[in-house]
Every structure is written in structure tokens, then in C-alpha cells.
Amino acid sequence: MKLSDIIASLGVIILLVAFLLNLYKKLEANSRAYCAMNFIGAAMCGVSSYMISFYPFVVLEGIWAGFALVSFIKVSRGT
């Protein structure tokens, strides 16, 4: 397994765990943990996509990570 595969797998796991925790009401979508998990997972997927030169997903995951980071900052500030 290549490093890009490991990074992508961990990123996807983080994203899916956040989604499932939210789905089962264990983690609110406006919580710092949820926003952080979305940012970290999307960033990892974006990095792995860059490593394999799959640029459509670099764009997708970069935008996802950007919005998750903005949400994390807003939640942290209480706004």
C-alpha cells in the first residue's frame, strides 16, 4: 500500500466517522469536533489526491476543507 493510499484511507475514515456520529446524534454539526474532523479528513483526502495527481478531487477536497476550517473558526469564536 502506498503512502497516498494510507493518507486517503485515514481521511475517508475520519469523514465517515464524523458523518455517522452526526447521523446518530452523538456529535452536532455545529460542534468543534465535527468541524475539525471534516477539516482534517478533507485535507488528508486532498493531499492524497494531489499525491496521485487527481486534480478534480484536489479541488473538491480543498473546497470542503476550506469550508470546514471556516466553520471551525466560527464555532470556536461562538459566532
Protein backbone atom coordinates (compact mmCIF):
# COMPACT_ATOMS: atom_id res chain seq x y z
CA MET A 1 0.00 0.00 0.00
CA LYS A 2 1.37 3.40 -0.99
CA LEU A 3 1.56 6.40 1.33
CA SER A 4 -1.14 8.18 -0.68
CA ASP A 5 -3.46 5.19 -0.11
CA ILE A 6 -2.85 5.27 3.64
CA ILE A 7 -3.48 9.02 3.86
CA ALA A 8 -6.65 8.74 1.76
CA SER A 9 -7.95 5.80 3.79
CA LEU A 10 -7.42 7.61 7.09
CA GLY A 11 -9.04 10.77 5.71
CA VAL A 12 -12.09 8.88 4.48
CA ILE A 13 -12.41 7.05 7.80
CA ILE A 14 -12.35 10.37 9.68
CA LEU A 15 -15.01 11.83 7.37
CA LEU A 16 -17.25 8.78 7.67
CA VAL A 17 -16.93 8.61 11.46
CA ALA A 18 -17.90 12.30 11.70
CA PHE A 19 -20.87 11.68 9.40
CA LEU A 20 -22.06 8.63 11.35
CA LEU A 21 -21.65 10.33 14.73
CA ASN A 22 -23.73 13.23 13.45
CA LEU A 23 -26.30 10.91 11.89
CA TYR A 24 -26.78 9.06 15.19
CA LYS A 25 -26.96 12.33 17.18
CA LYS A 26 -23.68 11.74 19.01
CA LEU A 27 -21.99 14.80 17.50
CA GLU A 28 -23.68 18.04 16.47
CA ALA A 29 -22.87 19.52 13.07
CA ASN A 30 -22.03 22.83 14.71
CA SER A 31 -19.56 21.34 17.20
CA ARG A 32 -15.83 21.96 17.12
CA ALA A 33 -15.12 18.23 16.95
CA TYR A 34 -17.34 17.74 13.88
CA CYS A 35 -15.83 20.73 12.06
CA ALA A 36 -12.30 19.62 12.97
CA MET A 37 -12.94 16.08 11.75
CA ASN A 38 -14.33 17.42 8.48
CA PHE A 39 -11.32 19.69 8.01
CA ILE A 40 -8.73 17.03 8.84
CA GLY A 41 -10.44 14.32 6.79
CA ALA A 42 -10.96 16.53 3.75
CA ALA A 43 -7.41 17.91 3.97
CA MET A 44 -5.97 14.40 4.11
CA CYS A 45 -8.06 13.32 1.11
CA GLY A 46 -6.97 16.43 -0.75
CA VAL A 47 -3.30 15.79 -0.04
CA SER A 48 -3.58 12.19 -1.15
CA SER A 49 -5.36 13.25 -4.34
CA TYR A 50 -2.56 15.73 -5.03
CA MET A 51 0.00 12.98 -4.49
CA ILE A 52 -1.58 10.92 -7.27
CA SER A 53 -2.26 13.96 -9.49
CA PHE A 54 -6.04 13.55 -9.39
CA TYR A 55 -6.84 17.25 -9.53
CA PRO A 56 -10.68 17.21 -9.61
CA PHE A 57 -10.60 15.74 -6.10
CA VAL A 58 -7.88 18.16 -5.03
CA VAL A 59 -10.33 20.95 -5.87
CA LEU A 60 -13.30 19.20 -4.24
CA GLU A 61 -11.47 18.32 -1.04
CA GLY A 62 -9.71 21.69 -0.92
CA ILE A 63 -13.05 23.50 -1.01
CA TRP A 64 -14.50 21.06 1.55
CA ALA A 65 -11.52 21.61 3.85
CA GLY A 66 -11.78 25.38 3.41
CA PHE A 67 -15.44 25.50 4.39
CA ALA A 68 -14.81 23.13 7.30
CA LEU A 69 -11.97 25.37 8.53
CA VAL A 70 -14.17 28.47 8.30
CA SER A 71 -16.91 26.61 10.23
CA PHE A 72 -14.39 25.52 12.86
CA ILE A 73 -13.22 29.10 13.34
CA LYS A 74 -16.80 30.38 13.60
CA VAL A 75 -17.75 27.70 16.11
CA SER A 76 -14.60 28.35 18.15
CA ARG A 77 -15.41 32.08 18.29
CA GLY A 78 -19.02 31.36 19.19
CA THR A 79 -20.45 33.14 16.15
